[in-house]
Amino acid sequence: MTPDLTDQQRQALHETNDAGPVTIVDPATHTQYVLVRADVFQELQHWARDLEPPDAYPLVDRIMTEDDANDPLLASYQGEALPREPA
């Protein structure tokens, strides 16, 4: 099944110069989805297939750093640092 774009989705894509990504939300489930052009999606799939896990480490570190910086509860669930064993 290939649904047609709504006018609102078309406008959102146009505002990003059709490059996306555009996040859309299912109002019934509040699940988020991302719209991107098919050629962009295919390029991402190709890139992801060729990615070796260690290649992703810097990206994961950056994303986690950004996420931690915006988390108002981070300190509350990090708790006290565990004492280190003598070397």
C-alpha atoms as a PDB file:
ATOM      1  CA  MET A   1       0.000   0.000   0.000  1.00  0.00           C
ATOM      2  CA  THR A   2       1.373   3.406  -0.967  1.00  0.00           C
ATOM      3  CA  PRO A   3      -0.714   6.209   0.555  1.00  0.00           C
ATOM      4  CA  ASP A   4      -0.780   9.686  -0.964  1.00  0.00           C
ATOM      5  CA  LEU A   5       0.732  12.665   0.810  1.00  0.00           C
ATOM      6  CA  THR A   6      -1.626  14.989   2.611  1.00  0.00           C
ATOM      7  CA  ASP A   7      -1.447  18.698   1.818  1.00  0.00           C
ATOM      8  CA  GLN A   8       0.099  19.284   5.256  1.00  0.00           C
ATOM      9  CA  GLN A   9       2.820  16.670   4.628  1.00  0.00           C
ATOM     10  CA  ARG A  10       3.531  18.099   1.164  1.00  0.00           C
ATOM     11  CA  GLN A  11       3.901  21.585   2.646  1.00  0.00           C
ATOM     12  CA  ALA A  12       6.251  20.329   5.377  1.00  0.00           C
ATOM     13  CA  LEU A  13       8.423  18.567   2.788  1.00  0.00           C
ATOM     14  CA  HIS A  14       8.417  21.673   0.607  1.00  0.00           C
ATOM     15  CA  GLU A  15       9.601  23.762   3.574  1.00  0.00           C
ATOM     16  CA  THR A  16      12.618  21.440   3.905  1.00  0.00           C
ATOM     17  CA  ASN A  17      13.287  21.663   0.149  1.00  0.00           C
ATOM     18  CA  ASP A  18      11.997  18.096  -0.261  1.00  0.00           C
ATOM     19  CA  ALA A  19      15.084  16.753   1.494  1.00  0.00           C
ATOM     20  CA  GLY A  20      13.340  16.079   4.792  1.00  0.00           C
ATOM     21  CA  PRO A  21      13.328  14.611   7.266  1.00  0.00           C
ATOM     22  CA  VAL A  22       9.817  15.510   8.313  1.00  0.00           C
ATOM     23  CA  THR A  23       8.435  13.958  11.485  1.00  0.00           C
ATOM     24  CA  ILE A  24       4.766  13.041  11.455  1.00  0.00           C
ATOM     25  CA  VAL A  25       2.715  11.751  14.374  1.00  0.00           C
ATOM     26  CA  ASP A  26      -0.100   9.212  14.356  1.00  0.00           C
ATOM     27  CA  PRO A  27      -2.738  10.977  16.473  1.00  0.00           C
ATOM     28  CA  ALA A  28      -4.263   7.668  17.558  1.00  0.00           C
ATOM     29  CA  THR A  29      -1.070   6.112  18.936  1.00  0.00           C
ATOM     30  CA  HIS A  30       1.256   9.131  19.216  1.00  0.00           C
ATOM     31  CA  THR A  31       3.853   7.086  17.301  1.00  0.00           C
ATOM     32  CA  GLN A  32       6.293   9.242  15.374  1.00  0.00           C
ATOM     33  CA  TYR A  33       7.347   8.508  11.807  1.00  0.00           C
ATOM     34  CA  VAL A  34       9.850  10.214   9.529  1.00  0.00           C
ATOM     35  CA  LEU A  35       9.222  11.159   5.902  1.00  0.00           C
ATOM     36  CA  VAL A  36      12.244  11.359   3.619  1.00  0.00           C
ATOM     37  CA  ARG A  37      12.613  11.174  -0.152  1.00  0.00           C
ATOM     38  CA  ALA A  38      13.095   7.621  -1.410  1.00  0.00           C
ATOM     39  CA  ASP A  39      16.563   8.375  -2.817  1.00  0.00           C
ATOM     40  CA  VAL A  40      17.679   9.766   0.549  1.00  0.00           C
ATOM     41  CA  PHE A  41      16.308   6.682   2.316  1.00  0.00           C
ATOM     42  CA  GLN A  42      18.113   4.362  -0.121  1.00  0.00           C
ATOM     43  CA  GLU A  43      21.369   6.236   0.449  1.00  0.00           C
ATOM     44  CA  LEU A  44      20.925   5.877   4.217  1.00  0.00           C
ATOM     45  CA  GLN A  45      20.266   2.149   3.838  1.00  0.00           C
ATOM     46  CA  HIS A  46      23.387   1.740   1.705  1.00  0.00           C
ATOM     47  CA  TRP A  47      25.460   3.694   4.226  1.00  0.00           C
ATOM     48  CA  ALA A  48      24.082   1.681   7.166  1.00  0.00           C
ATOM     49  CA  ARG A  49      24.820  -1.660   5.457  1.00  0.00           C
ATOM     50  CA  ASP A  50      28.467  -0.696   5.028  1.00  0.00           C
ATOM     51  CA  LEU A  51      28.851   0.677   8.542  1.00  0.00           C
ATOM     52  CA  GLU A  52      31.127  -1.203  10.893  1.00  0.00           C
ATOM     53  CA  PRO A  53      30.089  -0.896  14.563  1.00  0.00           C
ATOM     54  CA  PRO A  54      33.238   0.994  15.661  1.00  0.00           C
ATOM     55  CA  ASP A  55      32.534   3.580  12.946  1.00  0.00           C
ATOM     56  CA  ALA A  56      29.338   4.502  14.774  1.00  0.00           C
ATOM     57  CA  TYR A  57      30.942   5.089  18.183  1.00  0.00           C
ATOM     58  CA  PRO A  58      31.636   8.831  17.674  1.00  0.00           C
ATOM     59  CA  LEU A  59      28.063   9.389  16.483  1.00  0.00           C
ATOM     60  CA  VAL A  60      26.614   7.464  19.427  1.00  0.00           C
ATOM     61  CA  ASP A  61      28.801   9.457  21.842  1.00  0.00           C
ATOM     62  CA  ARG A  62      27.609  12.745  20.313  1.00  0.00           C
ATOM     63  CA  ILE A  63      23.948  11.726  20.454  1.00  0.00           C
ATOM     64  CA  MET A  64      24.259  10.532  24.060  1.00  0.00           C
ATOM     65  CA  THR A  65      26.033  13.762  25.063  1.00  0.00           C
ATOM     66  CA  GLU A  66      23.267  15.861  23.487  1.00  0.00           C
ATOM     67  CA  ASP A  67      20.583  13.695  25.088  1.00  0.00           C
ATOM     68  CA  ASP A  68      22.243  13.886  28.528  1.00  0.00           C
ATOM     69  CA  ALA A  69      22.571  17.684  28.246  1.00  0.00           C
ATOM     70  CA  ASN A  70      18.815  17.978  27.725  1.00  0.00           C
ATOM     71  CA  ASP A  71      17.797  15.507  30.425  1.00  0.00           C
ATOM     72  CA  PRO A  72      16.615  17.318  33.571  1.00  0.00           C
ATOM     73  CA  LEU A  73      16.511  14.023  35.508  1.00  0.00           C
ATOM     74  CA  LEU A  74      19.996  12.782  34.579  1.00  0.00           C
ATOM     75  CA  ALA A  75      21.528  13.484  37.984  1.00  0.00           C
ATOM     76  CA  SER A  76      18.676  11.743  39.803  1.00  0.00           C
ATOM     77  CA  TYR A  77      19.173   8.399  38.079  1.00  0.00           C
ATOM     78  CA  GLN A  78      22.951   8.484  37.880  1.00  0.00           C
ATOM     79  CA  GLY A  79      23.155   8.318  41.657  1.00  0.00           C
ATOM     80  CA  GLU A  80      26.367   8.333  43.581  1.00  0.00           C
ATOM     81  CA  ALA A  81      29.496   7.279  41.754  1.00  0.00           C
ATOM     82  CA  LEU A  82      30.694   3.860  42.822  1.00  0.00           C
ATOM     83  CA  PRO A  83      34.060   3.803  44.605  1.00  0.00           C
ATOM     84  CA  ARG A  84      36.918   2.665  42.387  1.00  0.00           C
ATOM     85  CA  GLU A  85      39.008  -0.380  43.148  1.00  0.00           C
ATOM     86  CA  PRO A  86      42.693   0.439  43.788  1.00  0.00           C
ATOM     87  CA  ALA A  87      44.792  -0.121  40.668  1.00  0.00           C
END
